[in-house]
Amino acid sequence: MTVTEQLSALGMILAHGDLHSLFQPILSLSERRILGYEALTRGPSNSPLHPPVTLFAVARHAGRLSELEMACRKSACSRFKALGLDGLLFLNVSPESLLDPAHQPGRTLKMLQAFGIPPSRVVIELTEQTPTEDFNLLDTALHHYRAMGFSIALDDLGAGYSSLRLWSELRPDYVKIDRHFIDGIHQDAVKREFVESILKMAKASRAQVIAEGIELAEELAVLAEMGVDLVQGYLLGRPHENPSRDARALLPAVESISSLNEETSDLGALLNEQPAVHEDTPIHRVLEAFRAQANLNSLAVLDAHQRPVGIVHRHLLSEALLRPFATDLLTRKPVSRLMSTDFLAVELGQSLQQVSRLLTSRARQRIEEDFIIILDGRYRGLGRVIDVLKLITELKIQQARHANPLTLLPGNVPIQQCLTRLLHQQRQAVVCYVDIDSFKPFNDLYGYAKGDEVLLCLAQCLSERVDPARDFVGHIGGDDFMLVLGSEDWRLRLNQLLEDFQGQCRRFYRNDHLEAGCFVAHNRHGQREEYPLLSISIGVVTLKTEDCSQLDAAQLASLASEAKRHAKAIPGYSLHIIEAV
């Protein structure tokens, strides 16, 4: 297709509004609900401009990008309204179109008013395809949108030309992590570190993080484990003209994977079945409820379907009514006038650890405030932040008490608990007993400090080869470690572990020992003996679902120890595999 033909096709599309709007859901893991939908545009299905990359590239080349984006917004809003979709609407906008001198401020708001969509339900999502040069002008443009009630999102964080500067200077309400950092995150420690850093910066800047491009259940599980609450990707729903509205149907993957690293008790013990108020309840009735219960910190505000729409905190209500004439003006108004819509609602089945991560990632969550507990989206009661933090602190103290003092990995008690959970959950997995060959003579020759470095090196290699949402690594003691892998690619992970340790170990030897490929040290009888360089032996027990009911944790550990003894009988790096039953 020639350039002239492309420009002609673009002109026809803009003249007739021949665009298709698709919607991809963005979900909240904690609330098991759809936060909103990102609108994505396609050209006519029979046109070379059907792919969005081609469509927008031609518009940019023709100087009609701002015109095309406005047409996309109109198509998206029209379809969004016609479908009656709930939640937020994310609209993609490029900075260059906002900075276009021909861009007319206020057109988006007028268009939304025509469709009856309030700006509070719309998120302007900045998509940066070319370098942004005038940050001050862009800030002014976005301030204009914010003043009208829109929220702002920054797309593809980590991939744009200046995305970190945009985040720093524009302070968006949402940041979307580029798919590159999500792809294979369960197998990449560096990507996990990047996402951890993003979560910390988001907390400081009061932004919410959205992980997009999720395609694997393992990726979703790791992100949930890390405390990422808002998620988007093909695993959860592809862009569609008529997208799903059932969050529970889209989230089966996160339910099927539970961590072996920690207890997963739900929030039942923390549930306070406090009464709630309807959003139309007069404020003076809410005041009476707080006066009647001195220990009542918060009240949930519900809609007609018993779903939470806000929360009223005692201290914020008091502050609001302290303003001059506030009591006279507000007490007969509905509580929706003073309620906070920035609340955390979590499903009753969520684990204590998941809720703790969500609470600590919220910059606005105060320790004396409450959060809302729901079941199937409907109100069940309140939970106290301080109770969650107390229980988590107790768990952390317990974990530290049973951790190995050198590597800080879980010790024998947590290992026993892990194997018990594994059997109780009836999960297919491999249990690996990892042992270092020639470690004692090496430790005698090089000294305990160098030996400790080797143990720390192996602990690091093991940790880098596990998926934190599905696997477990523990330190039995000395040079013995336990590894439980639930991932299907466990053979690849173990082979990579052997290669990692072999490469890392080279730095611990003297050059003459490296060149000789061995070292001489005294054996247990005090005689000088030649030993090969350090290697690791791994005994592997393959556990099938049907085997779990036939074993207990002690028997499973004994089988792993037996497999390790067979592996150590093989010189050098070795792997010996046996079946559990």
Protein backbone atom coordinates (compact mmCIF):
# COMPACT_ATOMS: atom_id res chain seq x y z
CA MET A 1 0.00 0.00 0.00
CA THR A 2 1.53 3.31 -1.06
CA VAL A 3 1.77 6.33 1.21
CA THR A 4 -0.91 8.09 -0.85
CA GLU A 5 -3.24 5.12 -0.45
CA GLN A 6 -2.57 5.00 3.31
CA LEU A 7 -3.40 8.70 3.67
CA SER A 8 -6.55 8.25 1.62
CA ALA A 9 -7.62 5.28 3.78
CA LEU A 10 -6.98 7.33 6.92
CA GLY A 11 -9.10 10.17 5.54
CA MET A 12 -11.98 7.77 4.90
CA ILE A 13 -11.74 6.33 8.41
CA LEU A 14 -11.80 9.77 10.03
CA ALA A 15 -14.60 10.99 7.75
CA HIS A 16 -16.88 8.04 8.52
CA GLY A 17 -15.72 7.24 12.07
CA ASP A 18 -15.02 3.69 10.94
CA LEU A 19 -13.23 2.56 14.12
CA HIS A 20 -13.78 -0.45 16.39
CA SER A 21 -13.40 -0.14 20.17
CA LEU A 22 -12.33 -3.14 22.21
CA PHE A 23 -12.15 -3.28 26.01
CA GLN A 24 -9.67 -5.17 28.19
CA PRO A 25 -10.52 -5.60 31.89
CA ILE A 26 -8.29 -4.36 34.71
CA LEU A 27 -8.90 -6.38 37.87
CA SER A 28 -8.37 -5.93 41.58
CA LEU A 29 -7.07 -9.14 43.16
CA SER A 30 -7.93 -8.16 46.72
CA GLU A 31 -11.56 -7.29 45.98
CA ARG A 32 -12.05 -9.87 43.20
CA ARG A 33 -13.69 -7.16 41.09
CA ILE A 34 -13.15 -5.36 37.81
CA LEU A 35 -11.66 -1.92 38.44
CA GLY A 36 -12.37 -0.81 34.88
CA TYR A 37 -11.52 -1.33 31.24
CA GLU A 38 -8.81 -0.03 28.93
CA ALA A 39 -10.25 1.05 25.58
CA LEU A 40 -8.22 -0.15 22.58
CA THR A 41 -8.88 0.88 19.00
CA ARG A 42 -8.73 -1.06 15.72
CA GLY A 43 -9.20 0.20 12.19
CA PRO A 44 -11.68 -1.37 9.71
CA SER A 45 -11.25 -5.15 9.63
CA ASN A 46 -10.77 -5.24 5.84
CA SER A 47 -8.26 -2.40 5.79
CA PRO A 48 -4.42 -2.38 5.94
CA LEU A 49 -4.91 0.19 8.71
CA HIS A 50 -6.68 -2.35 10.93
CA PRO A 51 -3.60 -2.88 13.20
CA PRO A 52 -3.32 0.01 15.70
CA VAL A 53 0.44 0.36 15.21
CA THR A 54 -0.03 1.05 11.48
CA LEU A 55 -3.11 3.20 12.00
CA PHE A 56 -1.47 5.54 14.49
CA ALA A 57 1.85 5.65 12.60
CA VAL A 58 0.07 6.85 9.45
CA ALA A 59 -1.90 9.44 11.44
CA ARG A 60 1.30 10.69 13.07
CA HIS A 61 3.00 10.96 9.67
CA ALA A 62 0.00 12.85 8.26
CA GLY A 63 -0.15 15.28 11.20
CA ARG A 64 -3.64 14.02 12.11
CA LEU A 65 -2.80 12.19 15.35
CA SER A 66 -4.83 14.51 17.57
CA GLU A 67 -7.82 14.14 15.23
CA LEU A 68 -7.54 10.33 15.24
CA GLU A 69 -7.22 10.15 19.03
CA MET A 70 -10.34 12.26 19.47
CA ALA A 71 -12.22 9.94 17.09
CA CYS A 72 -10.97 6.96 19.12
CA ARG A 73 -12.18 8.56 22.35
CA LYS A 74 -15.59 9.21 20.85
CA SER A 75 -15.88 5.61 19.62
CA ALA A 76 -14.74 4.23 22.99
CA CYS A 77 -17.11 6.38 25.06
CA SER A 78 -20.05 5.59 22.80
CA ARG A 79 -19.44 1.84 23.01
CA PHE A 80 -18.67 1.96 26.77
CA LYS A 81 -21.99 3.69 27.42
CA ALA A 82 -23.93 1.39 25.08
CA LEU A 83 -22.56 -1.71 26.82
CA GLY A 84 -23.32 -0.28 30.26
CA LEU A 85 -19.89 -1.31 31.58
CA ASP A 86 -19.14 -0.69 35.26
CA GLY A 87 -15.98 0.82 36.70
CA LEU A 88 -13.42 3.14 35.16
CA LEU A 89 -12.72 3.79 31.49
CA PHE A 90 -9.01 4.09 30.60
CA LEU A 91 -8.50 6.20 27.46
CA ASN A 92 -5.13 6.22 25.71
CA VAL A 93 -3.79 9.69 24.94
CA SER A 94 -0.33 10.52 23.60
CA PRO A 95 1.57 13.51 25.04
CA GLU A 96 2.25 14.78 21.53
CA SER A 97 -1.48 15.10 20.80
CA LEU A 98 -1.98 17.03 24.04
CA LEU A 99 0.87 19.36 23.04
CA ASP A 100 -0.47 19.79 19.49
CA PRO A 101 -1.28 23.51 18.95
CA ALA A 102 -4.48 22.40 17.20
CA HIS A 103 -5.62 20.48 20.29
CA GLN A 104 -8.79 22.06 21.69
CA PRO A 105 -9.07 21.84 25.51
CA GLY A 106 -12.46 20.86 26.85
CA ARG A 107 -13.56 18.71 23.89
CA THR A 108 -13.21 15.47 25.84
CA LEU A 109 -15.34 16.78 28.72
CA LYS A 110 -18.09 17.96 26.34
CA MET A 111 -18.07 14.59 24.61
CA LEU A 112 -18.38 12.75 27.95
CA GLN A 113 -21.25 14.99 28.99
CA ALA A 114 -23.03 14.10 25.74
CA PHE A 115 -22.74 10.41 26.62
CA GLY A 116 -23.59 10.91 30.30
CA ILE A 117 -20.23 9.64 31.59
CA PRO A 118 -18.85 11.63 34.57
CA PRO A 119 -15.12 12.52 34.30
CA SER A 120 -14.55 10.82 37.68
CA ARG A 121 -15.00 7.51 35.84
CA VAL A 122 -12.40 8.30 33.18
CA VAL A 123 -8.62 7.80 33.40
CA ILE A 124 -6.43 9.59 30.86
CA GLU A 125 -3.67 7.06 30.10
CA LEU A 126 -0.51 8.63 28.69
CA THR A 127 1.11 6.47 26.02
CA GLU A 128 4.54 7.76 25.04
CA GLN A 129 5.69 6.74 21.53
CA THR A 130 8.03 9.67 20.91
CA PRO A 131 10.21 11.73 23.29
CA THR A 132 8.40 14.31 25.40
CA GLU A 133 10.19 17.66 25.30
CA ASP A 134 7.97 20.27 26.94
CA PHE A 135 7.27 18.89 30.41
CA ASN A 136 5.88 22.20 31.70
CA LEU A 137 3.30 22.41 28.93
CA LEU A 138 2.33 18.77 29.43
CA ASP A 139 1.97 19.35 33.17
CA THR A 140 -0.33 22.29 32.46
CA ALA A 141 -2.44 20.17 30.10
CA LEU A 142 -2.80 17.36 32.65
CA HIS A 143 -3.54 19.81 35.46
CA HIS A 144 -6.40 20.99 33.25
CA TYR A 145 -7.74 17.41 33.04
CA ARG A 146 -7.34 16.86 36.78
CA ALA A 147 -9.22 20.08 37.55
CA MET A 148 -12.16 18.68 35.57
CA GLY A 149 -12.19 15.46 37.62
CA PHE A 150 -10.20 13.06 35.44
CA SER A 151 -7.55 10.69 36.84
CA ILE A 152 -4.16 10.23 35.15
CA ALA A 153 -2.30 7.00 34.34
CA LEU A 154 1.21 6.53 32.98
CA ASP A 155 1.48 3.63 30.53
CA ASP A 156 4.46 1.29 29.86
CA LEU A 157 6.55 2.35 32.84
CA GLY A 158 10.18 1.43 32.20
CA ALA A 159 9.84 1.34 28.41
CA GLY A 160 9.13 4.94 27.41
CA TYR A 161 11.64 7.59 26.48
CA SER A 162 11.22 9.50 29.73
CA SER A 163 8.68 7.53 31.76
CA LEU A 164 10.47 7.88 35.12
CA ARG A 165 10.73 11.65 34.66
CA LEU A 166 7.06 11.77 33.67
CA TRP A 167 6.21 9.90 36.86
CA SER A 168 8.36 12.18 38.97
CA GLU A 169 6.99 15.43 37.54
CA LEU A 170 3.38 14.56 36.71
CA ARG A 171 2.54 12.40 39.75
CA PRO A 172 -0.04 10.15 38.02
CA ASP A 173 -2.77 8.33 39.94
CA TYR A 174 -1.87 5.01 38.24
CA VAL A 175 1.36 3.63 36.79
CA LYS A 176 1.31 0.63 34.44
CA ILE A 177 4.45 -1.53 34.42
CA ASP A 178 5.60 -2.40 30.92
CA ARG A 179 5.01 -6.00 29.87
CA HIS A 180 8.76 -6.59 29.45
CA PHE A 181 9.16 -6.60 33.25
CA ILE A 182 6.17 -8.92 33.75
CA ASP A 183 7.12 -11.51 31.12
CA GLY A 184 8.74 -14.43 32.96
CA ILE A 185 8.97 -12.57 36.28
CA HIS A 186 8.57 -15.90 38.12
CA GLN A 187 11.93 -16.95 36.65
CA ASP A 188 13.81 -13.65 36.82
CA ALA A 189 15.05 -12.19 40.11
CA VAL A 190 16.09 -8.92 38.42
CA LYS A 191 12.57 -8.31 37.17
CA ARG A 192 11.20 -8.98 40.64
CA GLU A 193 13.64 -6.40 42.05
CA PHE A 194 12.46 -3.87 39.46
CA VAL A 195 8.81 -4.39 40.38
CA GLU A 196 9.66 -4.18 44.11
CA SER A 197 11.30 -0.80 43.42
CA ILE A 198 8.23 0.39 41.51
CA LEU A 199 5.99 -0.59 44.42
CA LYS A 200 8.16 1.40 46.84
CA MET A 201 8.14 4.47 44.60
CA ALA A 202 4.39 4.14 44.09
CA LYS A 203 3.84 4.15 47.84
CA ALA A 204 5.94 7.31 48.18
CA SER A 205 4.12 9.07 45.33
CA ARG A 206 0.66 7.77 46.26
CA ALA A 207 0.15 6.04 42.93
CA GLN A 208 -1.51 2.68 42.30
CA VAL A 209 0.45 0.11 40.30
CA ILE A 210 -1.10 -1.87 37.44
CA ALA A 211 0.82 -4.86 36.10
CA GLU A 212 -0.13 -5.35 32.45
CA GLY A 213 0.69 -8.01 29.91
CA ILE A 214 0.17 -10.98 32.26
CA GLU A 215 -0.05 -14.20 30.23
CA LEU A 216 0.95 -16.96 32.68
CA ALA A 217 -0.62 -18.10 35.95
CA GLU A 218 2.91 -18.22 37.45
CA GLU A 219 3.43 -14.52 36.63
CA LEU A 220 0.11 -13.64 38.26
CA ALA A 221 0.92 -15.66 41.37
CA VAL A 222 4.31 -13.96 41.86
CA LEU A 223 2.80 -10.49 41.38
CA ALA A 224 0.04 -11.26 43.90
CA GLU A 225 2.69 -12.55 46.31
CA MET A 226 4.61 -9.28 45.94
CA GLY A 227 1.54 -7.19 46.76
CA VAL A 228 0.55 -6.01 43.27
CA ASP A 229 -3.23 -5.65 43.41
CA LEU A 230 -4.26 -4.30 39.98
CA VAL A 231 -3.62 -6.62 37.04
CA GLN A 232 -4.31 -6.82 33.30
CA GLY A 233 -3.36 -9.21 30.50
CA TYR A 234 -4.40 -12.02 28.17
CA LEU A 235 -4.50 -14.49 31.08
CA LEU A 236 -7.31 -12.44 32.62
CA GLY A 237 -9.13 -11.33 29.51
CA ARG A 238 -8.24 -10.38 25.95
CA PRO A 239 -9.49 -7.12 24.40
CA HIS A 240 -13.05 -7.76 23.23
CA GLU A 241 -15.96 -5.82 21.79
CA ASN A 242 -18.20 -7.21 24.54
CA PRO A 243 -15.86 -7.95 27.47
CA SER A 244 -16.62 -10.11 30.49
CA ARG A 245 -18.13 -8.44 33.54
CA ASP A 246 -17.54 -11.37 35.91
CA ALA A 247 -14.25 -10.88 37.77
CA ARG A 248 -14.47 -14.28 39.44
CA ALA A 249 -14.64 -16.03 36.08
CA LEU A 250 -11.49 -14.18 35.03
CA LEU A 251 -9.47 -14.96 38.16
CA PRO A 252 -9.30 -18.76 38.51
CA ALA A 253 -5.53 -18.83 38.06
CA VAL A 254 -4.68 -16.91 41.21
CA GLU A 255 -6.83 -19.24 43.33
CA SER A 256 -5.11 -22.40 42.07
CA ILE A 257 -1.62 -21.47 43.23
CA SER A 258 -0.83 -21.08 46.91
CA SER A 259 2.55 -20.47 48.46
CA LEU A 260 4.46 -23.19 50.30
CA ASN A 261 6.47 -20.54 52.15
CA GLU A 262 3.89 -19.39 54.67
CA GLU A 263 0.66 -20.17 56.45
CA THR A 264 -2.37 -19.00 54.48
CA SER A 265 -5.04 -18.50 57.15
CA ASP A 266 -7.92 -16.27 56.04
CA LEU A 267 -9.40 -13.19 57.74
CA GLY A 268 -12.18 -14.97 59.63
CA ALA A 269 -10.48 -14.48 62.99
CA LEU A 270 -10.14 -10.71 62.37
CA LEU A 271 -13.71 -10.11 61.18
CA ASN A 272 -15.67 -7.57 63.24
CA GLU A 273 -19.31 -7.82 62.20
CA GLN A 274 -19.99 -4.11 62.62
CA PRO A 275 -23.23 -2.63 61.25
CA ALA A 276 -22.91 -0.47 58.13
CA VAL A 277 -24.95 2.48 56.80
CA HIS A 278 -26.61 3.12 53.45
CA GLU A 279 -25.14 5.87 51.28
CA ASP A 280 -28.32 7.96 51.72
CA THR A 281 -28.20 7.85 55.55
CA PRO A 282 -28.21 11.41 57.01
CA ILE A 283 -24.93 12.45 58.62
CA HIS A 284 -26.61 13.12 61.99
CA ARG A 285 -27.55 9.40 62.17
CA VAL A 286 -23.91 8.48 61.56
CA LEU A 287 -22.87 10.86 64.35
CA GLU A 288 -25.33 9.16 66.68
CA ALA A 289 -23.83 5.75 65.84
CA PHE A 290 -20.32 6.97 66.70
CA ARG A 291 -21.54 8.54 69.96
CA ALA A 292 -23.30 5.31 70.95
CA GLN A 293 -20.12 3.22 70.49
CA ALA A 294 -17.00 4.84 71.90
CA ASN A 295 -14.77 2.12 70.41
CA LEU A 296 -16.23 2.40 66.89
CA ASN A 297 -13.51 3.77 64.60
CA SER A 298 -15.19 3.41 61.21
CA LEU A 299 -18.46 2.71 59.44
CA ALA A 300 -18.75 1.16 56.00
CA VAL A 301 -21.10 2.86 53.54
CA LEU A 302 -23.07 0.52 51.25
CA ASP A 303 -25.21 0.78 48.12
CA ALA A 304 -28.59 -0.86 47.60
CA HIS A 305 -26.90 -4.20 46.81
CA GLN A 306 -24.90 -4.29 50.07
CA ARG A 307 -21.68 -3.49 48.22
CA PRO A 308 -19.25 -1.02 49.82
CA VAL A 309 -19.02 2.39 48.13
CA GLY A 310 -17.16 4.26 50.86
CA ILE A 311 -16.08 4.41 54.47
CA VAL A 312 -16.46 6.99 57.24
CA HIS A 313 -13.66 7.28 59.77
CA ARG A 314 -14.40 8.85 63.15
CA HIS A 315 -11.39 11.20 63.10
CA LEU A 316 -12.11 12.46 59.55
CA LEU A 317 -15.78 13.02 60.32
CA SER A 318 -14.84 15.02 63.41
CA GLU A 319 -12.42 17.15 61.42
CA ALA A 320 -15.03 17.85 58.73
CA LEU A 321 -17.65 18.95 61.29
CA LEU A 322 -15.21 21.26 63.10
CA ARG A 323 -15.26 23.72 60.20
CA PRO A 324 -17.37 26.88 60.74
CA PHE A 325 -21.11 26.23 60.30
CA ALA A 326 -20.38 22.66 59.12
CA THR A 327 -22.69 21.04 61.69
CA ASP A 328 -25.68 23.17 60.65
CA LEU A 329 -24.98 22.77 56.94
CA LEU A 330 -24.16 19.08 56.78
CA THR A 331 -25.93 17.04 59.47
CA ARG A 332 -29.05 16.48 57.35
CA LYS A 333 -27.07 15.75 54.18
CA PRO A 334 -26.44 12.13 53.12
CA VAL A 335 -23.29 10.49 54.43
CA SER A 336 -22.09 10.11 50.83
CA ARG A 337 -21.14 13.81 51.04
CA LEU A 338 -18.46 13.11 53.66
CA MET A 339 -17.51 9.47 53.13
CA SER A 340 -14.07 8.53 51.81
CA THR A 341 -14.04 6.57 48.55
CA ASP A 342 -10.36 5.73 49.06
CA PHE A 343 -10.83 2.52 51.04
CA LEU A 344 -9.51 -1.01 50.94
CA ALA A 345 -12.04 -3.84 50.59
CA VAL A 346 -10.72 -7.40 50.68
CA GLU A 347 -12.39 -10.76 50.26
CA LEU A 348 -12.84 -12.89 53.37
CA GLY A 349 -10.82 -15.71 51.80
CA GLN A 350 -7.69 -13.58 51.31
CA SER A 351 -4.68 -14.68 53.35
CA LEU A 352 -3.32 -12.60 56.19
CA GLN A 353 -0.05 -12.12 54.30
CA GLN A 354 -1.76 -10.84 51.15
CA VAL A 355 -3.82 -8.33 53.11
CA SER A 356 -0.76 -7.18 55.02
CA ARG A 357 1.08 -6.45 51.76
CA LEU A 358 -1.88 -4.49 50.42
CA LEU A 359 -2.19 -2.46 53.61
CA THR A 360 1.51 -1.61 53.82
CA SER A 361 1.57 -0.61 50.13
CA ARG A 362 -1.18 1.97 50.67
CA ALA A 363 0.32 5.35 51.48
CA ARG A 364 -3.05 6.64 52.73
CA GLN A 365 -3.80 3.79 55.14
CA ARG A 366 -3.48 4.86 58.78
CA ILE A 367 -2.83 2.33 61.51
CA GLU A 368 -5.86 3.42 63.56
CA GLU A 369 -8.25 3.05 60.60
CA ASP A 370 -10.22 0.01 59.51
CA PHE A 371 -10.56 -1.80 56.21
CA ILE A 372 -13.67 -3.47 54.77
CA ILE A 373 -14.09 -7.25 54.52
CA ILE A 374 -16.42 -8.57 51.83
CA LEU A 375 -17.68 -11.94 50.65
CA ASP A 376 -18.60 -12.31 46.98
CA GLY A 377 -18.44 -8.52 46.73
CA ARG A 378 -20.95 -7.88 49.54
CA TYR A 379 -20.23 -6.41 52.95
CA ARG A 380 -19.43 -8.76 55.82
CA GLY A 381 -17.70 -6.54 58.37
CA LEU A 382 -14.58 -4.55 59.24
CA GLY A 383 -11.01 -5.48 60.02
CA ARG A 384 -8.53 -3.49 62.09
CA VAL A 385 -5.22 -2.58 60.47
CA ILE A 386 -3.41 -2.84 63.79
CA ASP A 387 -4.68 -6.42 64.32
CA VAL A 388 -3.26 -7.48 60.95
CA LEU A 389 0.10 -5.88 61.67
CA LYS A 390 0.26 -7.47 65.13
CA LEU A 391 -0.38 -10.96 63.77
CA ILE A 392 2.10 -10.49 60.93
CA THR A 393 4.72 -9.29 63.43
CA GLU A 394 4.14 -12.41 65.54
CA LEU A 395 4.49 -14.60 62.45
CA LYS A 396 7.72 -12.85 61.44
CA ILE A 397 9.17 -13.31 64.93
CA GLN A 398 8.23 -16.98 64.78
CA GLN A 399 9.84 -17.34 61.35
CA ALA A 400 13.01 -15.58 62.51
CA ARG A 401 13.21 -17.90 65.53
CA HIS A 402 13.28 -20.92 63.23
CA ALA A 403 15.51 -19.45 60.50
CA ASN A 404 19.11 -20.55 59.92
CA PRO A 405 21.29 -17.84 61.53
CA LEU A 406 23.79 -17.77 58.62
CA THR A 407 21.65 -17.87 55.49
CA LEU A 408 18.40 -16.65 57.16
CA LEU A 409 16.58 -19.32 55.16
CA PRO A 410 13.80 -21.29 56.88
CA GLY A 411 15.22 -23.99 59.17
CA ASN A 412 14.01 -27.43 60.19
CA VAL A 413 10.68 -26.44 61.76
CA PRO A 414 9.48 -24.45 58.71
CA ILE A 415 10.79 -27.22 56.43
CA GLN A 416 8.67 -29.75 58.32
CA GLN A 417 5.67 -27.40 58.10
CA CYS A 418 6.23 -26.93 54.37
CA LEU A 419 6.26 -30.67 53.69
CA THR A 420 3.12 -31.09 55.80
CA ARG A 421 1.33 -28.34 53.83
CA LEU A 422 2.49 -29.89 50.56
CA LEU A 423 0.93 -33.24 51.46
CA HIS A 424 -2.20 -31.63 52.92
CA GLN A 425 -2.76 -29.59 49.73
CA GLN A 426 -2.18 -32.77 47.67
CA ARG A 427 0.09 -30.95 45.26
CA GLN A 428 2.30 -32.45 42.62
CA ALA A 429 5.90 -31.36 43.24
CA VAL A 430 9.52 -32.47 43.50
CA VAL A 431 11.32 -32.50 46.85
CA CYS A 432 15.08 -32.00 46.53
CA TYR A 433 17.79 -32.63 49.12
CA VAL A 434 20.85 -30.55 48.13
CA ASP A 435 24.30 -31.32 49.55
CA ILE A 436 27.78 -29.88 48.82
CA ASP A 437 30.48 -32.44 47.95
CA SER A 438 33.95 -32.05 49.53
CA PHE A 439 32.69 -29.28 51.77
CA LYS A 440 34.25 -30.47 55.06
CA PRO A 441 37.81 -30.77 53.71
CA PHE A 442 37.38 -27.44 51.91
CA ASN A 443 36.20 -25.84 55.15
CA ASP A 444 39.17 -27.34 57.05
CA LEU A 445 41.69 -26.12 54.45
CA TYR A 446 40.31 -22.65 53.66
CA GLY A 447 38.77 -21.82 57.03
CA TYR A 448 35.23 -21.45 58.32
CA ALA A 449 34.87 -17.86 57.00
CA LYS A 450 35.46 -19.03 53.43
CA GLY A 451 33.16 -22.01 54.10
CA ASP A 452 30.41 -19.64 55.20
CA GLU A 453 30.85 -17.72 51.92
CA VAL A 454 30.28 -20.97 50.01
CA LEU A 455 27.08 -21.68 51.99
CA LEU A 456 25.81 -18.17 51.35
CA CYS A 457 26.65 -18.56 47.67
CA LEU A 458 24.62 -21.77 47.43
CA ALA A 459 21.73 -20.18 49.36
CA GLN A 460 21.71 -17.33 46.83
CA CYS A 461 21.83 -19.74 43.86
CA LEU A 462 18.92 -21.72 45.30
CA SER A 463 16.84 -18.61 45.96
CA GLU A 464 17.35 -17.37 42.41
CA ARG A 465 16.04 -20.63 40.96
CA VAL A 466 12.72 -20.73 42.83
CA ASP A 467 9.38 -19.23 41.98
CA PRO A 468 8.48 -17.51 45.28
CA ALA A 469 4.76 -18.13 44.78
CA ARG A 470 5.01 -21.89 44.16
CA ASP A 471 8.34 -23.13 45.54
CA PHE A 472 10.21 -23.35 48.84
CA VAL A 473 13.87 -23.29 49.84
CA GLY A 474 15.11 -24.12 53.35
CA HIS A 475 18.45 -24.70 55.12
CA ILE A 476 18.56 -27.98 57.06
CA GLY A 477 21.96 -27.15 58.56
CA GLY A 478 25.63 -27.21 57.58
CA ASP A 479 25.88 -27.77 53.82
CA ASP A 480 22.45 -29.46 53.53
CA PHE A 481 19.50 -27.64 51.95
CA MET A 482 15.92 -28.56 51.06
CA LEU A 483 14.21 -27.40 47.87
CA VAL A 484 10.54 -27.96 46.96
CA LEU A 485 9.62 -27.12 43.36
CA GLY A 486 6.05 -26.96 42.14
CA SER A 487 6.97 -25.67 38.70
CA GLU A 488 6.75 -27.96 35.68
CA ASP A 489 10.20 -26.88 34.46
CA TRP A 490 11.94 -28.22 37.59
CA ARG A 491 14.54 -30.18 35.59
CA LEU A 492 15.64 -27.02 33.79
CA ARG A 493 15.80 -25.12 37.10
CA LEU A 494 17.98 -27.81 38.72
CA ASN A 495 20.34 -27.94 35.73
CA GLN A 496 20.66 -24.15 35.86
CA LEU A 497 21.35 -24.42 39.60
CA LEU A 498 24.23 -26.82 38.96
CA GLU A 499 25.68 -24.46 36.34
CA ASP A 500 25.21 -21.40 38.58
CA PHE A 501 27.01 -22.93 41.54
CA GLN A 502 29.84 -24.28 39.40
CA GLY A 503 30.46 -20.84 37.92
CA GLN A 504 30.15 -19.00 41.23
CA CYS A 505 32.50 -21.37 43.08
CA ARG A 506 35.57 -20.48 41.01
CA ARG A 507 36.16 -17.34 43.05
CA PHE A 508 36.64 -19.31 46.28
CA TYR A 509 39.76 -21.30 45.24
CA ARG A 510 43.43 -20.45 45.00
CA ASN A 511 44.72 -20.35 41.41
CA ASP A 512 46.87 -23.46 41.84
CA HIS A 513 43.85 -25.45 43.00
CA LEU A 514 41.82 -24.17 40.07
CA GLU A 515 44.53 -25.17 37.62
CA ALA A 516 44.93 -28.62 39.19
CA GLY A 517 41.16 -29.15 39.43
CA CYS A 518 41.57 -30.46 42.99
CA PHE A 519 43.03 -29.63 46.40
CA VAL A 520 44.79 -31.58 49.14
CA ALA A 521 43.53 -31.58 52.73
CA HIS A 522 43.57 -33.84 55.78
CA ASN A 523 40.85 -36.46 55.98
CA ARG A 524 39.07 -37.59 59.15
CA HIS A 525 42.00 -39.87 59.99
CA GLY A 526 44.51 -37.02 59.82
CA GLN A 527 45.99 -38.22 56.53
CA ARG A 528 46.54 -35.98 53.50
CA GLU A 529 44.09 -36.75 50.72
CA GLU A 530 43.30 -35.29 47.32
CA TYR A 531 39.74 -33.94 46.88
CA PRO A 532 37.94 -32.71 43.78
CA LEU A 533 36.69 -29.13 43.64
CA LEU A 534 33.34 -28.42 45.25
CA SER A 535 30.23 -29.73 43.54
CA ILE A 536 26.65 -30.39 44.59
CA SER A 537 24.62 -33.58 44.72
CA ILE A 538 20.85 -33.39 44.52
CA GLY A 539 18.49 -36.15 45.58
CA VAL A 540 15.07 -35.68 43.98
CA VAL A 541 11.75 -37.23 45.03
CA THR A 542 8.91 -36.83 42.50
CA LEU A 543 5.61 -36.50 44.35
CA LYS A 544 2.31 -37.06 42.54
CA THR A 545 -1.08 -35.93 43.79
CA GLU A 546 -2.20 -39.49 44.48
CA ASP A 547 0.97 -40.14 46.58
CA CYS A 548 0.19 -37.48 49.17
CA SER A 549 -2.33 -39.50 51.20
CA GLN A 550 0.18 -42.34 51.61
CA LEU A 551 2.97 -40.32 53.21
CA ASP A 552 3.70 -38.03 56.13
CA ALA A 553 6.30 -35.26 56.28
CA ALA A 554 8.90 -37.41 58.04
CA GLN A 555 8.62 -40.18 55.43
CA LEU A 556 8.92 -37.65 52.61
CA ALA A 557 12.04 -36.11 54.17
CA SER A 558 13.54 -39.59 54.63
CA LEU A 559 12.96 -40.40 50.96
CA ALA A 560 14.71 -37.16 49.94
CA SER A 561 17.66 -38.04 52.19
CA GLU A 562 17.85 -41.49 50.59
CA ALA A 563 17.85 -39.99 47.10
CA LYS A 564 20.66 -37.65 48.20
CA ARG A 565 22.80 -40.58 49.35
CA HIS A 566 22.47 -42.16 45.92
CA ALA A 567 23.41 -38.85 44.26
CA LYS A 568 26.54 -38.48 46.44
CA ALA A 569 27.72 -41.92 45.29
CA ILE A 570 28.14 -40.39 41.82
CA PRO A 571 31.37 -38.33 41.47
CA GLY A 572 30.99 -34.61 40.70
CA TYR A 573 27.78 -32.75 40.00
CA SER A 574 24.95 -35.27 40.18
CA LEU A 575 21.20 -35.70 40.23
CA HIS A 576 19.41 -38.84 41.44
CA ILE A 577 15.64 -39.12 40.99
CA ILE A 578 13.27 -41.52 42.75
CA GLU A 579 9.48 -41.71 42.92
CA ALA A 580 7.71 -41.05 46.21
CA VAL A 581 5.65 -44.22 46.00
